[in-house]
Amino acid sequence: YELTNGRKFTLLSRWTAAVIKTDGKWKISAIHNGVNFVDNPLLAETRKSRKYFLALGVVAGLAAGILIPWSPY
């Protein structure tokens, strides 16, 4: 999986296929490909950045809470 910013992630996938023999030749009649959208490297990266933004928000909130009362306006 490649993001628009160039970062690449490898997602493990599983696939199945159903084949049928017609006129002496094997042909694919159905195919299914799937990945685990609940637990994958892309979500793990998002979870890591969530902690970073939480810490940044706490620091910004504390700074605003301390500096705004001292504002002359």
C-alpha atoms as a PDB file:
ATOM      1  CA  TYR A   1       0.000   0.000   0.000  1.00  0.00           C
ATOM      2  CA  GLU A   2       1.553   3.323  -1.025  1.00  0.00           C
ATOM      3  CA  LEU A   3       0.406   6.653   0.369  1.00  0.00           C
ATOM      4  CA  THR A   4       0.390   9.859  -1.669  1.00  0.00           C
ATOM      5  CA  ASN A   5       3.393  11.155   0.304  1.00  0.00           C
ATOM      6  CA  GLY A   6       5.473   8.156  -0.822  1.00  0.00           C
ATOM      7  CA  ARG A   7       5.398   6.085   2.378  1.00  0.00           C
ATOM      8  CA  LYS A   8       4.831   2.383   1.744  1.00  0.00           C
ATOM      9  CA  PHE A   9       3.182  -0.214   3.971  1.00  0.00           C
ATOM     10  CA  THR A  10       3.004  -3.959   3.486  1.00  0.00           C
ATOM     11  CA  LEU A  11      -0.431  -5.360   4.253  1.00  0.00           C
ATOM     12  CA  LEU A  12      -0.786  -9.095   4.675  1.00  0.00           C
ATOM     13  CA  SER A  13      -3.602 -10.456   2.565  1.00  0.00           C
ATOM     14  CA  ARG A  14      -5.353 -13.724   1.883  1.00  0.00           C
ATOM     15  CA  TRP A  15      -7.053 -14.820  -1.276  1.00  0.00           C
ATOM     16  CA  THR A  16      -9.237 -17.622  -2.505  1.00  0.00           C
ATOM     17  CA  ALA A  17     -10.288 -18.700  -5.955  1.00  0.00           C
ATOM     18  CA  ALA A  18     -12.890 -21.054  -7.328  1.00  0.00           C
ATOM     19  CA  VAL A  19     -12.163 -22.782 -10.621  1.00  0.00           C
ATOM     20  CA  ILE A  20     -14.269 -24.793 -12.983  1.00  0.00           C
ATOM     21  CA  LYS A  21     -13.303 -27.088 -15.806  1.00  0.00           C
ATOM     22  CA  THR A  22     -15.200 -26.373 -19.009  1.00  0.00           C
ATOM     23  CA  ASP A  23     -14.331 -27.736 -22.432  1.00  0.00           C
ATOM     24  CA  GLY A  24     -11.240 -29.397 -20.975  1.00  0.00           C
ATOM     25  CA  LYS A  25      -9.780 -26.094 -19.701  1.00  0.00           C
ATOM     26  CA  TRP A  26      -9.619 -24.767 -16.165  1.00  0.00           C
ATOM     27  CA  LYS A  27     -11.078 -21.292 -15.767  1.00  0.00           C
ATOM     28  CA  ILE A  28     -11.442 -19.027 -12.767  1.00  0.00           C
ATOM     29  CA  SER A  29     -15.093 -18.643 -11.884  1.00  0.00           C
ATOM     30  CA  ALA A  30     -14.668 -16.487  -8.766  1.00  0.00           C
ATOM     31  CA  ILE A  31     -11.847 -14.825  -6.878  1.00  0.00           C
ATOM     32  CA  HIS A  32     -11.725 -13.018  -3.553  1.00  0.00           C
ATOM     33  CA  ASN A  33      -8.879 -10.988  -2.073  1.00  0.00           C
ATOM     34  CA  GLY A  34      -8.956  -9.446   1.389  1.00  0.00           C
ATOM     35  CA  VAL A  35      -6.829  -7.726   4.018  1.00  0.00           C
ATOM     36  CA  ASN A  36      -7.362  -7.229   7.724  1.00  0.00           C
ATOM     37  CA  PHE A  37      -8.591  -3.637   7.958  1.00  0.00           C
ATOM     38  CA  VAL A  38      -8.829  -3.838  11.748  1.00  0.00           C
ATOM     39  CA  ASP A  39      -5.197  -4.660  12.545  1.00  0.00           C
ATOM     40  CA  ASN A  40      -2.582  -3.557  10.023  1.00  0.00           C
ATOM     41  CA  PRO A  41       0.608  -1.434   9.849  1.00  0.00           C
ATOM     42  CA  LEU A  42      -1.242   1.642   8.592  1.00  0.00           C
ATOM     43  CA  LEU A  43      -3.491   1.707  11.664  1.00  0.00           C
ATOM     44  CA  ALA A  44      -0.505   1.082  13.937  1.00  0.00           C
ATOM     45  CA  GLU A  45       1.152   4.201  12.489  1.00  0.00           C
ATOM     46  CA  THR A  46      -2.036   6.164  13.117  1.00  0.00           C
ATOM     47  CA  ARG A  47      -2.149   4.994  16.723  1.00  0.00           C
ATOM     48  CA  LYS A  48       1.437   6.158  17.273  1.00  0.00           C
ATOM     49  CA  SER A  49       0.710   9.622  15.855  1.00  0.00           C
ATOM     50  CA  ARG A  50      -2.442   9.853  18.008  1.00  0.00           C
ATOM     51  CA  LYS A  51      -0.267   9.764  21.137  1.00  0.00           C
ATOM     52  CA  TYR A  52       1.973  12.504  19.715  1.00  0.00           C
ATOM     53  CA  PHE A  53      -0.963  14.800  18.942  1.00  0.00           C
ATOM     54  CA  LEU A  54      -2.515  14.132  22.352  1.00  0.00           C
ATOM     55  CA  ALA A  55       0.695  15.219  24.081  1.00  0.00           C
ATOM     56  CA  LEU A  56       0.945  18.277  21.823  1.00  0.00           C
ATOM     57  CA  GLY A  57      -2.663  19.233  22.643  1.00  0.00           C
ATOM     58  CA  VAL A  58      -2.077  18.905  26.381  1.00  0.00           C
ATOM     59  CA  VAL A  59       1.016  21.117  26.214  1.00  0.00           C
ATOM     60  CA  ALA A  60      -0.777  23.709  24.047  1.00  0.00           C
ATOM     61  CA  GLY A  61      -3.790  23.680  26.393  1.00  0.00           C
ATOM     62  CA  LEU A  62      -1.646  24.180  29.470  1.00  0.00           C
ATOM     63  CA  ALA A  63       0.295  26.981  27.794  1.00  0.00           C
ATOM     64  CA  ALA A  64      -2.934  28.724  26.772  1.00  0.00           C
ATOM     65  CA  GLY A  65      -4.384  28.272  30.258  1.00  0.00           C
ATOM     66  CA  ILE A  66      -1.341  29.872  31.820  1.00  0.00           C
ATOM     67  CA  LEU A  67      -0.782  32.692  29.294  1.00  0.00           C
ATOM     68  CA  ILE A  68      -4.353  33.830  28.543  1.00  0.00           C
ATOM     69  CA  PRO A  69      -5.096  35.126  32.082  1.00  0.00           C
ATOM     70  CA  TRP A  70      -1.982  37.322  31.834  1.00  0.00           C
ATOM     71  CA  SER A  71      -3.110  38.786  28.501  1.00  0.00           C
ATOM     72  CA  PRO A  72      -3.752  42.569  28.622  1.00  0.00           C
ATOM     73  CA  TYR A  73      -6.932  42.198  26.507  1.00  0.00           C
END
